[in-house]
């Protein structure tokens, strides 16, 4: 028995506003059914002795410690900018400043 029917695929596609042909609906129903069957097989293996995990090996944080370091001088930083004013970069305005009042 199929876990994912063509009708379910067509309904979800309509909800997502995705246009699918009948061939695509049939193909996706089969592919999604295979994915759901694979998940069911994995779930059936989980026992109290073998708990469910998201990774086969434990993960550890490999990020370095965040240590403050030297920063750039303000004038050196702004020297490469096309335009600057009052220790700030000047950029073109992209949003209007219309008042809604």
Protein backbone atom coordinates (compact mmCIF):
# COMPACT_ATOMS: atom_id res chain seq x y z
CA UNK A 1 0.00 0.00 0.00
CA UNK A 2 1.34 3.39 -0.98
CA UNK A 3 1.91 5.90 1.83
CA UNK A 4 1.79 8.89 -0.52
CA UNK A 5 -1.03 8.98 -3.06
CA UNK A 6 -1.29 10.96 -6.29
CA UNK A 7 -4.21 12.87 -4.78
CA UNK A 8 -2.07 13.94 -1.80
CA UNK A 9 0.74 15.11 -4.09
CA UNK A 10 -1.74 17.07 -6.24
CA UNK A 11 -3.35 18.62 -3.13
CA UNK A 12 -0.02 19.73 -1.65
CA UNK A 13 1.13 21.06 -5.02
CA UNK A 14 -2.09 23.09 -5.28
CA UNK A 15 -1.61 24.46 -1.76
CA UNK A 16 1.96 25.46 -2.67
CA UNK A 17 0.74 26.88 -5.98
CA UNK A 18 3.07 24.58 -7.92
CA UNK A 19 1.78 23.52 -11.32
CA UNK A 20 2.46 19.82 -11.95
CA UNK A 21 1.51 17.67 -14.93
CA UNK A 22 -0.14 14.27 -14.37
CA UNK A 23 3.20 12.60 -15.18
CA UNK A 24 4.99 14.73 -12.57
CA UNK A 25 2.32 13.97 -9.95
CA UNK A 26 2.66 10.23 -10.59
CA UNK A 27 6.49 10.35 -10.52
CA UNK A 28 6.59 12.45 -7.35
CA UNK A 29 4.06 10.19 -5.62
CA UNK A 30 6.35 7.22 -6.24
CA UNK A 31 9.49 9.09 -5.17
CA UNK A 32 7.89 10.47 -2.00
CA UNK A 33 6.51 7.03 -1.18
CA UNK A 34 10.05 5.61 -1.43
CA UNK A 35 11.33 8.32 0.93
CA UNK A 36 8.52 7.68 3.42
CA UNK A 37 9.20 3.92 3.28
CA UNK A 38 12.90 4.54 3.98
CA UNK A 39 12.04 6.64 7.03
CA UNK A 40 9.67 3.92 8.24
CA UNK A 41 12.43 1.31 7.96
CA UNK A 42 14.88 3.47 9.93
CA UNK A 43 12.25 4.18 12.59
CA UNK A 44 11.52 0.47 13.00
CA UNK A 45 15.15 -0.17 14.01
CA UNK A 46 15.08 2.23 16.97
CA UNK A 47 14.91 0.36 20.29
CA UNK A 48 15.67 1.35 23.89
CA UNK A 49 19.13 -0.19 23.43
CA UNK A 50 19.66 1.74 20.18
CA UNK A 51 18.26 5.27 20.65
CA UNK A 52 17.35 7.49 17.73
CA UNK A 53 20.06 9.94 16.69
CA UNK A 54 20.42 12.63 14.08
CA UNK A 55 24.10 11.79 13.46
CA UNK A 56 25.94 8.47 13.54
CA UNK A 57 28.85 9.96 15.50
CA UNK A 58 28.87 12.61 18.25
CA UNK A 59 29.46 16.14 17.00
CA UNK A 60 31.76 18.62 18.66
CA UNK A 61 32.06 22.35 18.23
CA UNK A 62 35.09 23.07 16.06
CA UNK A 63 34.91 26.86 16.26
CA UNK A 64 37.80 28.80 17.70
CA UNK A 65 37.42 30.91 20.79
CA UNK A 66 36.35 34.47 20.02
CA UNK A 67 39.32 36.61 21.04
CA UNK A 68 39.43 40.38 20.39
CA UNK A 69 42.32 41.47 18.21
CA UNK A 70 43.69 44.62 16.65
CA UNK A 71 41.29 46.67 14.55
CA UNK A 72 41.82 48.92 11.57
CA UNK A 73 42.39 52.63 11.98
CA UNK A 74 39.27 54.64 11.02
CA UNK A 75 41.11 56.75 8.41
CA UNK A 76 42.77 53.66 6.94
CA UNK A 77 39.39 51.95 6.73
CA UNK A 78 37.63 54.90 5.07
CA UNK A 79 40.54 55.53 2.66
CA UNK A 80 39.25 52.84 0.30
CA UNK A 81 35.65 54.05 0.34
CA UNK A 82 34.30 55.93 -2.69
CA UNK A 83 32.64 58.43 -0.32
CA UNK A 84 32.69 59.05 3.44
CA UNK A 85 31.39 61.66 5.83
CA UNK A 86 31.65 62.01 9.64
CA UNK A 87 33.54 58.69 9.98
CA UNK A 88 30.81 56.81 8.04
CA UNK A 89 30.55 55.28 4.60
CA UNK A 90 28.27 57.19 2.22
CA UNK A 91 26.10 54.96 0.06
CA UNK A 92 23.36 55.72 -2.46
CA UNK A 93 19.86 55.94 -1.03
CA UNK A 94 17.75 52.96 -2.06
CA UNK A 95 14.59 53.57 -0.06
CA UNK A 96 12.41 56.63 -0.29
CA UNK A 97 11.92 58.77 2.77
CA UNK A 98 8.27 59.49 2.06
CA UNK A 99 6.25 60.52 5.09
CA UNK A 100 3.07 58.49 5.53
CA UNK A 101 1.36 61.33 7.39
